[in-house]
Amino acid sequence: MVDKTIFNVNETNLTMRIGQAEMYLKEFESEVMRANGATGTFRSKDDALGRIMLLNEFAPEDPRVKELFERARKCIIGSTGNFIQITDDMTAYLRNEENLRSTYSKKSEDAWASLLAEIGDRKIEKAFPVPDVLTVSEDDYVGKYVVLEEVRYPANQFMGVTGEFIYTGKRSTGMYFVKIDSRKWLGPYEAVKRYRRLVDSTMAEVDQWVVLGEITGITMEIPEAGESKVGGPVYAFVVEPAALYIPGHVLALYDEKQETGGTFVGESEVAAAKESWYSEKTVPEDVTPERLVEIFRQAIKEKNYDLYLECIQEERRQTPIQESLLLYYWDLHQERFHGEYVHANVIPDQTKITVVKGYSDDSGMDSYFLSKEEQEKIAARYGEKIEYASVQTVAFDRDGKQLGSPVRRNLIRKNGGRWYVRDYEIRF
């Protein structure tokens, strides 16, 4: 803010100070323009507005000051960000997912109760304190089931001499060692990840599990992570998982008949349950770059993983590593559409298409002088034609406020075929 005591209102001084104020205002305007609808910290804002406030106080009728004041007013409005009206159809995916989550929560709750009833008296009624394994008969406990309600993974994971385990409990009240190096853990564990990916993005990364497991024996291990173990060994029951339960979300079961080694309750019904959600189901062969990005967005919002894959360049979804990356970025997109923004618009008239390989007559001048046959011969000599399209999008939160500046997503097309998304990793 400029000090009023040094402000001297004469024509020369006024002109000089108007010039200074305009210099800072231009920088403020440039910052707002570069932000392109996003909000943030604008370095020149206070300097520009402070000088214009003072000019307006001492020379409010000067037309140059009035112009600066109006420009500053518009710039302030621009600096507060771009807003849109968030409509119900933009957030329908959130309501659909919440309804599905509630359905699966109830399915899992009922299945958990049925599972415990089926086990009946084979379940140890009280998990803690753990019976002293050095004084009880192992035969009395092998084959029994136990429910462990605070199994912390990966926090309590450790590699022992006899296998890989999660310890639960304390030395003072006894421990169980949950075995995690077999399909009986990995099958249900992967099923929980699929549930989160396909059904319920509200479920954060799970670090505390309810485990139903079968006691298979006794072992001695030092329940500490890392190679340097400072504590003494512990004798404990070994527990093989039969089911993993996350109350309010999902029950996952070991199933040796499944190729995946496990399943979550109702997994076979997920695709049919979501079918009615889908506003987009296929990618047309003649899809435009802008339309493809919109379909890609809807595939993510509506949890249509097959359509998500269909949008992406084939060469980027062939190897096991690529498949893992596709899932990794699918999860990131899910998190963003649930925690950061709820919608993204394609900005019209901003798409740029570039020929990066092969013959192109973008200007249309070649066709003025050359016949179609001559152009085809030239194109054949150039070989494969590859085009890139750059499509600009902007994301909005639940209140309709623009988040960040617009971003560009690149697409690819070969030999005039269908467009595909190249850099699927980029946020909206």
Protein backbone atom coordinates (compact mmCIF):
# COMPACT_ATOMS: atom_id res chain seq x y z
CA MET A 1 0.00 0.00 0.00
CA VAL A 2 1.32 3.43 -0.94
CA ASP A 3 1.81 5.93 1.90
CA LYS A 4 -0.71 8.81 1.54
CA THR A 5 1.63 11.29 3.19
CA ILE A 6 3.96 11.24 0.20
CA PHE A 7 1.18 11.63 -2.36
CA ASN A 8 1.31 15.03 -4.03
CA VAL A 9 -1.57 15.82 -6.38
CA ASN A 10 -0.15 17.84 -9.25
CA GLU A 11 -0.44 16.93 -12.92
CA THR A 12 3.13 15.70 -13.31
CA ASN A 13 3.03 13.65 -10.11
CA LEU A 14 -0.44 12.32 -10.92
CA THR A 15 0.62 11.20 -14.40
CA MET A 16 3.69 9.50 -12.98
CA ARG A 17 1.68 7.67 -10.32
CA ILE A 18 -0.98 6.63 -12.85
CA GLY A 19 1.82 5.16 -14.96
CA GLN A 20 3.19 3.26 -11.95
CA ALA A 21 -0.26 1.97 -11.01
CA GLU A 22 -0.89 0.82 -14.57
CA MET A 23 2.43 -1.01 -14.66
CA TYR A 24 1.46 -3.06 -11.59
CA LEU A 25 -2.10 -3.51 -12.87
CA LYS A 26 -0.83 -4.90 -16.17
CA GLU A 27 1.24 -7.44 -14.27
CA PHE A 28 -1.78 -8.35 -12.14
CA GLU A 29 -3.87 -8.75 -15.32
CA SER A 30 -1.18 -10.94 -16.85
CA GLU A 31 -1.09 -13.15 -13.77
CA VAL A 32 -4.86 -13.57 -13.85
CA MET A 33 -4.75 -14.32 -17.57
CA ARG A 34 -2.04 -16.95 -17.08
CA ALA A 35 -4.11 -18.56 -14.31
CA ASN A 36 -6.85 -19.05 -16.92
CA GLY A 37 -9.73 -19.29 -14.45
CA ALA A 38 -7.79 -20.75 -11.54
CA THR A 39 -7.33 -19.05 -8.19
CA GLY A 40 -4.07 -18.56 -6.36
CA THR A 41 -1.63 -15.99 -5.01
CA PHE A 42 -1.12 -13.04 -7.33
CA ARG A 43 2.10 -11.21 -6.54
CA SER A 44 1.14 -7.89 -8.08
CA LYS A 45 -2.39 -7.71 -6.72
CA ASP A 46 -1.77 -5.68 -3.56
CA ASP A 47 0.65 -3.28 -5.22
CA ALA A 48 -1.74 -2.63 -8.11
CA LEU A 49 -4.90 -2.25 -6.02
CA GLY A 50 -3.20 -0.13 -3.35
CA ARG A 51 -2.02 2.41 -5.87
CA ILE A 52 -5.36 2.54 -7.67
CA MET A 53 -7.23 2.96 -4.36
CA LEU A 54 -5.09 5.96 -3.52
CA LEU A 55 -5.46 7.48 -6.98
CA ASN A 56 -9.23 7.04 -6.78
CA GLU A 57 -9.30 8.79 -3.41
CA PHE A 58 -7.38 11.86 -4.58
CA ALA A 59 -8.44 12.07 -8.25
CA PRO A 60 -11.72 10.16 -8.64
CA GLU A 61 -12.90 12.21 -11.62
CA ASP A 62 -9.79 11.76 -13.72
CA PRO A 63 -10.78 9.56 -16.70
CA ARG A 64 -7.47 7.71 -16.54
CA VAL A 65 -8.12 6.81 -12.89
CA LYS A 66 -11.67 5.72 -13.71
CA GLU A 67 -10.33 3.42 -16.42
CA LEU A 68 -7.78 1.91 -14.03
CA PHE A 69 -10.48 1.42 -11.39
CA GLU A 70 -12.75 -0.44 -13.83
CA ARG A 71 -9.90 -2.63 -15.07
CA ALA A 72 -8.96 -3.43 -11.47
CA ARG A 73 -12.57 -4.35 -10.67
CA LYS A 74 -12.74 -6.79 -13.60
CA CYS A 75 -9.35 -8.22 -12.69
CA ILE A 76 -10.45 -8.90 -9.10
CA ILE A 77 -13.51 -10.73 -10.40
CA GLY A 78 -11.28 -12.77 -12.70
CA SER A 79 -8.86 -13.59 -9.90
CA THR A 80 -11.63 -15.17 -7.81
CA GLY A 81 -11.79 -18.02 -10.30
CA ASN A 82 -14.11 -19.50 -12.87
CA PHE A 83 -17.39 -21.06 -11.73
CA ILE A 84 -20.05 -23.22 -13.37
CA GLN A 85 -23.41 -24.57 -12.22
CA ILE A 86 -22.97 -28.17 -11.01
CA THR A 87 -26.02 -30.06 -12.24
CA ASP A 88 -27.49 -33.31 -10.91
CA ASP A 89 -26.32 -35.31 -13.90
CA MET A 90 -22.72 -34.24 -13.21
CA THR A 91 -22.84 -35.82 -9.74
CA ALA A 92 -25.15 -38.75 -10.50
CA TYR A 93 -22.16 -41.10 -10.34
CA LEU A 94 -21.63 -40.23 -6.66
CA ARG A 95 -25.23 -41.03 -5.74
CA ASN A 96 -25.18 -44.24 -7.77
CA GLU A 97 -22.00 -45.36 -6.07
CA GLU A 98 -23.32 -44.59 -2.60
CA ASN A 99 -26.43 -46.66 -3.30
CA LEU A 100 -24.28 -49.53 -4.54
CA ARG A 101 -21.98 -49.24 -1.52
CA SER A 102 -24.95 -49.47 0.82
CA THR A 103 -26.23 -52.54 -1.02
CA TYR A 104 -22.87 -54.29 -0.83
CA SER A 105 -22.38 -53.31 2.78
CA LYS A 106 -25.66 -55.04 3.66
CA LYS A 107 -24.78 -58.07 1.53
CA SER A 108 -21.44 -58.36 3.29
CA GLU A 109 -22.93 -57.88 6.75
CA ASP A 110 -25.46 -60.66 6.13
CA ALA A 111 -22.83 -62.95 4.63
CA TRP A 112 -20.52 -62.36 7.61
CA ALA A 113 -23.28 -63.32 10.06
CA SER A 114 -24.07 -66.45 8.01
CA LEU A 115 -20.40 -67.41 7.86
CA LEU A 116 -19.99 -67.18 11.63
CA ALA A 117 -23.19 -69.16 12.15
CA GLU A 118 -21.93 -71.84 9.77
CA ILE A 119 -18.69 -72.21 11.70
CA GLY A 120 -20.63 -72.44 14.93
CA ASP A 121 -18.78 -73.96 17.87
CA ARG A 122 -15.61 -74.40 15.81
CA LYS A 123 -14.95 -70.71 16.52
CA ILE A 124 -13.02 -69.70 19.63
CA GLU A 125 -15.39 -67.42 21.51
CA LYS A 126 -12.74 -65.16 22.98
CA ALA A 127 -9.60 -64.47 20.99
CA PHE A 128 -7.71 -62.72 23.82
CA PRO A 129 -5.99 -63.47 26.04
CA VAL A 130 -4.53 -66.19 23.85
CA PRO A 131 -4.25 -69.64 25.48
CA ASP A 132 -0.67 -70.30 26.51
CA VAL A 133 0.54 -72.43 23.62
CA LEU A 134 3.27 -73.97 25.80
CA THR A 135 0.75 -75.41 28.25
CA VAL A 136 -2.24 -76.37 26.07
CA SER A 137 -2.53 -79.23 23.62
CA GLU A 138 -2.01 -78.15 20.02
CA ASP A 139 -4.57 -80.75 18.88
CA ASP A 140 -7.27 -78.96 20.87
CA TYR A 141 -6.90 -75.83 18.76
CA VAL A 142 -5.80 -76.92 15.28
CA GLY A 143 -8.86 -76.67 13.02
CA LYS A 144 -10.55 -74.10 15.24
CA TYR A 145 -11.47 -70.66 13.86
CA VAL A 146 -10.75 -67.31 15.42
CA VAL A 147 -11.97 -63.78 14.63
CA LEU A 148 -9.17 -61.22 14.89
CA GLU A 149 -10.59 -57.70 14.82
CA GLU A 150 -7.53 -55.46 14.72
CA VAL A 151 -5.12 -57.03 12.27
CA ARG A 152 -2.85 -54.20 11.18
CA TYR A 153 -1.40 -54.60 7.72
CA PRO A 154 1.12 -53.61 6.51
CA ALA A 155 2.16 -52.09 9.86
CA ASN A 156 2.60 -55.44 11.67
CA GLN A 157 3.91 -57.44 8.73
CA PHE A 158 7.16 -59.37 9.23
CA MET A 159 9.21 -62.04 7.52
CA GLY A 160 10.04 -64.97 9.75
CA VAL A 161 11.97 -68.21 9.48
CA THR A 162 8.85 -70.25 8.75
CA GLY A 163 7.03 -67.78 6.52
CA GLU A 164 5.61 -64.27 6.15
CA PHE A 165 3.14 -63.14 8.80
CA ILE A 166 1.20 -60.33 10.41
CA TYR A 167 1.32 -60.41 14.18
CA THR A 168 -1.66 -59.32 16.20
CA GLY A 169 -1.87 -59.06 19.97
CA LYS A 170 0.77 -58.33 22.61
CA ARG A 171 3.43 -60.30 24.37
CA SER A 172 1.55 -59.82 27.64
CA THR A 173 -1.74 -61.29 26.38
CA GLY A 174 -0.41 -63.55 23.65
CA MET A 175 -0.20 -63.26 19.89
CA TYR A 176 -1.49 -64.81 16.71
CA PHE A 177 0.60 -64.98 13.56
CA VAL A 178 -1.61 -64.49 10.48
CA LYS A 179 0.04 -66.20 7.53
CA ILE A 180 0.11 -63.98 4.43
CA ASP A 181 2.43 -65.76 2.01
CA SER A 182 -0.23 -68.03 0.51
CA ARG A 183 -3.34 -67.66 -1.65
CA LYS A 184 -5.51 -67.80 1.45
CA TRP A 185 -4.43 -64.24 2.22
CA LEU A 186 -3.60 -62.98 -1.25
CA GLY A 187 -6.89 -64.13 -2.81
CA PRO A 188 -9.19 -62.21 -0.42
CA TYR A 189 -6.74 -59.30 -0.24
CA GLU A 190 -6.83 -58.81 -4.01
CA ALA A 191 -10.63 -59.18 -3.93
CA VAL A 192 -10.85 -56.24 -1.51
CA LYS A 193 -8.77 -54.16 -3.90
CA ARG A 194 -11.11 -55.07 -6.75
CA TYR A 195 -14.11 -54.09 -4.63
CA ARG A 196 -12.62 -50.67 -3.97
CA ARG A 197 -11.73 -50.27 -7.63
CA LEU A 198 -15.08 -51.39 -9.05
CA VAL A 199 -17.64 -50.51 -6.37
CA ASP A 200 -16.60 -48.22 -3.56
CA SER A 201 -14.05 -45.43 -3.89
CA THR A 202 -15.10 -44.05 -0.49
CA MET A 203 -13.14 -46.87 1.13
CA ALA A 204 -9.64 -45.56 1.76
CA GLU A 205 -6.58 -47.77 1.73
CA VAL A 206 -7.27 -50.40 4.39
CA ASP A 207 -4.70 -50.69 7.17
CA GLN A 208 -6.81 -52.49 9.77
CA TRP A 209 -8.62 -55.72 8.96
CA VAL A 210 -11.05 -58.13 10.59
CA VAL A 211 -9.72 -61.59 9.81
CA LEU A 212 -11.55 -64.88 10.16
CA GLY A 213 -8.91 -67.57 10.13
CA GLU A 214 -8.25 -71.20 10.88
CA ILE A 215 -5.60 -72.20 13.39
CA THR A 216 -3.19 -74.56 11.64
CA GLY A 217 -0.44 -75.00 14.21
CA ILE A 218 2.09 -73.36 16.49
CA THR A 219 5.35 -71.68 15.53
CA MET A 220 8.09 -69.61 17.12
CA GLU A 221 9.07 -66.33 15.52
CA ILE A 222 10.42 -62.91 16.43
CA PRO A 223 7.53 -60.61 15.41
CA GLU A 224 9.55 -57.65 14.16
CA ALA A 225 10.07 -56.19 10.72
CA GLY A 226 13.56 -55.85 9.25
CA GLU A 227 16.64 -58.00 9.52
CA SER A 228 17.81 -56.67 12.89
CA LYS A 229 15.48 -58.14 15.50
CA VAL A 230 16.03 -57.03 19.10
CA GLY A 231 13.14 -58.73 20.89
CA GLY A 232 12.88 -62.29 22.05
CA PRO A 233 11.04 -65.06 20.21
CA VAL A 234 7.32 -65.63 20.70
CA TYR A 235 5.38 -68.89 20.48
CA ALA A 236 2.01 -68.28 18.80
CA PHE A 237 -0.81 -69.94 16.92
CA VAL A 238 -0.49 -69.76 13.13
CA VAL A 239 -3.73 -68.55 11.53
CA GLU A 240 -4.58 -69.19 7.87
CA PRO A 241 -7.10 -66.57 6.62
CA ALA A 242 -10.50 -67.72 5.40
CA ALA A 243 -12.13 -64.30 5.05
CA LEU A 244 -11.28 -60.61 5.29
CA TYR A 245 -14.00 -58.25 6.50
CA ILE A 246 -14.12 -54.47 6.41
CA PRO A 247 -17.33 -53.53 8.29
CA GLY A 248 -19.52 -51.12 6.40
CA HIS A 249 -17.91 -52.08 3.11
CA VAL A 250 -17.02 -55.59 2.03
CA LEU A 251 -16.48 -59.25 2.92
CA ALA A 252 -13.85 -61.07 0.85
CA LEU A 253 -13.45 -64.85 0.91
CA TYR A 254 -10.78 -67.33 -0.04
CA ASP A 255 -12.00 -69.51 -2.90
CA GLU A 256 -9.60 -72.03 -4.37
CA LYS A 257 -11.93 -72.58 -7.37
CA GLN A 258 -11.53 -68.98 -8.49
CA GLU A 259 -8.62 -68.14 -10.79
CA THR A 260 -7.99 -65.08 -8.64
CA GLY A 261 -7.94 -67.18 -5.44
CA GLY A 262 -10.70 -65.16 -3.84
CA THR A 263 -13.85 -63.13 -4.35
CA PHE A 264 -15.88 -60.49 -2.56
CA VAL A 265 -19.54 -61.05 -1.75
CA GLY A 266 -21.65 -60.25 -4.81
CA GLU A 267 -18.66 -59.77 -7.14
CA SER A 268 -20.34 -61.63 -10.01
CA GLU A 269 -23.26 -59.20 -9.86
CA VAL A 270 -21.30 -55.95 -10.07
CA ALA A 271 -21.30 -55.53 -13.84
CA ALA A 272 -25.07 -56.01 -14.11
CA ALA A 273 -25.70 -53.67 -11.17
CA LYS A 274 -23.74 -50.85 -12.83
CA GLU A 275 -25.05 -51.35 -16.35
CA SER A 276 -27.93 -48.92 -15.87
CA TRP A 277 -25.53 -46.16 -14.75
CA TYR A 278 -23.59 -45.95 -17.94
CA SER A 279 -24.19 -42.90 -20.08
CA GLU A 280 -21.46 -44.08 -22.47
CA LYS A 281 -20.94 -47.73 -23.42
CA THR A 282 -18.76 -47.78 -26.53
CA VAL A 283 -16.35 -45.61 -28.49
CA PRO A 284 -17.56 -44.86 -32.04
CA GLU A 285 -15.04 -45.43 -34.82
CA ASP A 286 -15.56 -41.87 -36.06
CA VAL A 287 -15.20 -40.31 -32.60
CA THR A 288 -13.72 -36.82 -32.50
CA PRO A 289 -10.85 -36.01 -30.11
CA GLU A 290 -13.12 -33.88 -27.92
CA ARG A 291 -15.83 -36.53 -27.76
CA LEU A 292 -13.29 -39.25 -26.91
CA VAL A 293 -12.07 -37.25 -23.92
CA GLU A 294 -15.67 -36.84 -22.74
CA ILE A 295 -16.24 -40.61 -23.04
CA PHE A 296 -12.97 -41.23 -21.19
CA ARG A 297 -14.14 -38.93 -18.39
CA GLN A 298 -17.49 -40.71 -18.10
CA ALA A 299 -15.83 -44.13 -18.06
CA ILE A 300 -13.85 -43.04 -15.00
CA LYS A 301 -16.76 -41.34 -13.23
CA GLU A 302 -19.10 -44.27 -13.83
CA LYS A 303 -16.50 -46.93 -12.94
CA ASN A 304 -16.64 -48.54 -16.38
CA TYR A 305 -13.15 -50.03 -16.50
CA ASP A 306 -13.68 -51.84 -19.80
CA LEU A 307 -14.64 -48.58 -21.50
CA TYR A 308 -11.66 -46.85 -19.84
CA LEU A 309 -9.39 -49.42 -21.51
CA GLU A 310 -11.18 -49.05 -24.84
CA CYS A 311 -10.34 -45.34 -24.86
CA ILE A 312 -6.60 -45.86 -24.37
CA GLN A 313 -4.00 -46.46 -27.06
CA GLU A 314 -3.60 -50.21 -27.65
CA GLU A 315 0.19 -50.09 -27.44
CA ARG A 316 -0.12 -48.80 -23.87
CA ARG A 317 -2.16 -51.75 -22.57
CA GLN A 318 -0.39 -54.92 -23.65
CA THR A 319 2.26 -56.00 -21.12
CA PRO A 320 1.79 -56.95 -17.44
CA ILE A 321 3.63 -53.81 -16.37
CA GLN A 322 1.35 -51.68 -18.53
CA GLU A 323 -1.70 -53.43 -17.06
CA SER A 324 -0.47 -52.59 -13.56
CA LEU A 325 0.04 -48.95 -14.53
CA LEU A 326 -3.44 -48.80 -16.01
CA LEU A 327 -4.89 -49.97 -12.69
CA TYR A 328 -2.66 -47.62 -10.71
CA TYR A 329 -3.82 -44.56 -12.65
CA TRP A 330 -7.42 -45.80 -12.63
CA ASP A 331 -7.24 -45.70 -8.84
CA LEU A 332 -5.78 -42.18 -8.93
CA HIS A 333 -8.54 -40.99 -11.26
CA GLN A 334 -11.13 -42.52 -8.93
CA GLU A 335 -9.64 -40.72 -5.93
CA ARG A 336 -9.58 -37.41 -7.76
CA PHE A 337 -13.20 -37.63 -8.92
CA HIS A 338 -14.21 -38.35 -5.32
CA GLY A 339 -11.89 -36.10 -3.36
CA GLU A 340 -10.89 -33.17 -5.57
CA TYR A 341 -13.30 -32.52 -8.43
CA VAL A 342 -16.67 -33.83 -9.59
CA HIS A 343 -16.68 -32.81 -13.23
CA ALA A 344 -14.43 -31.73 -16.07
CA ASN A 345 -15.38 -29.91 -19.26
CA VAL A 346 -13.67 -30.05 -22.60
CA ILE A 347 -12.83 -26.49 -23.65
CA PRO A 348 -14.24 -25.94 -27.14
CA ASP A 349 -12.17 -24.61 -30.04
CA GLN A 350 -8.88 -25.32 -28.26
CA THR A 351 -8.00 -28.70 -29.81
CA LYS A 352 -4.78 -28.78 -31.79
CA ILE A 353 -4.08 -31.57 -34.29
CA THR A 354 -0.53 -32.11 -35.53
CA VAL A 355 0.85 -34.58 -38.06
CA VAL A 356 4.03 -35.98 -36.49
CA LYS A 357 4.77 -38.59 -39.14
CA GLY A 358 3.74 -39.11 -42.74
CA TYR A 359 2.38 -36.89 -45.48
CA SER A 360 0.02 -34.04 -44.68
CA ASP A 361 -1.77 -31.40 -46.70
CA ASP A 362 -3.00 -29.33 -43.78
CA SER A 363 -3.01 -26.10 -45.75
CA GLY A 364 -4.95 -27.63 -48.64
CA MET A 365 -2.59 -26.03 -51.14
CA ASP A 366 -1.10 -29.32 -52.36
CA SER A 367 -4.52 -30.53 -53.45
CA TYR A 368 -4.96 -27.36 -55.47
CA PHE A 369 -2.02 -28.28 -57.68
CA LEU A 370 -1.88 -32.08 -57.40
CA SER A 371 -4.35 -34.75 -58.38
CA LYS A 372 -5.68 -37.22 -55.86
CA GLU A 373 -3.57 -39.98 -57.44
CA GLU A 374 -0.43 -37.88 -57.17
CA GLN A 375 -1.11 -37.14 -53.51
CA GLU A 376 -1.73 -40.83 -52.79
CA LYS A 377 1.63 -41.74 -54.34
CA ILE A 378 3.38 -39.14 -52.20
CA ALA A 379 1.59 -40.38 -49.07
CA ALA A 380 2.64 -43.96 -49.86
CA ARG A 381 6.30 -42.90 -50.03
CA TYR A 382 6.00 -41.17 -46.66
CA GLY A 383 4.63 -44.33 -45.06
CA GLU A 384 2.52 -44.52 -41.91
CA LYS A 385 0.70 -41.35 -40.95
CA ILE A 386 0.53 -40.50 -37.24
CA GLU A 387 -1.44 -37.57 -35.86
CA TYR A 388 -1.52 -36.15 -32.35
CA ALA A 389 -4.48 -34.23 -30.96
CA SER A 390 -4.17 -32.03 -27.88
CA VAL A 391 -7.49 -31.56 -26.07
CA GLN A 392 -7.87 -29.01 -23.27
CA THR A 393 -10.02 -29.71 -20.19
CA VAL A 394 -10.82 -27.90 -16.97
CA ALA A 395 -12.02 -29.46 -13.70
CA PHE A 396 -14.58 -28.18 -11.17
CA ASP A 397 -15.30 -29.05 -7.53
CA ARG A 398 -18.69 -29.66 -5.88
CA ASP A 399 -19.31 -25.92 -5.60
CA GLY A 400 -18.65 -25.39 -9.29
CA LYS A 401 -15.29 -23.71 -8.70
CA GLN A 402 -12.56 -24.29 -11.24
CA LEU A 403 -9.61 -26.21 -9.81
CA GLY A 404 -6.24 -25.26 -11.21
CA SER A 405 -5.52 -24.16 -14.73
CA PRO A 406 -6.78 -26.03 -17.79
CA VAL A 407 -4.73 -29.08 -18.78
CA ARG A 408 -4.00 -30.67 -22.14
CA ARG A 409 -4.42 -34.40 -22.82
CA ASN A 410 -2.81 -35.91 -25.90
CA LEU A 411 -4.52 -38.33 -28.26
CA ILE A 412 -3.17 -40.35 -31.19
CA ARG A 413 -4.52 -41.56 -34.53
CA LYS A 414 -2.79 -43.74 -37.13
CA ASN A 415 -3.50 -43.74 -40.85
CA GLY A 416 -6.78 -41.91 -40.42
CA GLY A 417 -8.21 -44.55 -38.07
CA ARG A 418 -9.81 -44.10 -34.68
CA TRP A 419 -8.52 -41.67 -32.07
CA TYR A 420 -7.08 -43.09 -28.80
CA VAL A 421 -5.95 -41.45 -25.55
CA ARG A 422 -2.16 -41.44 -25.28
CA ASP A 423 -1.38 -39.93 -21.89
CA TYR A 424 -4.18 -41.38 -19.79
CA GLU A 425 -2.18 -40.60 -16.63
CA ILE A 426 -2.87 -36.86 -16.73
CA ARG A 427 -5.39 -35.46 -14.26
CA PHE A 428 -8.46 -33.56 -15.43
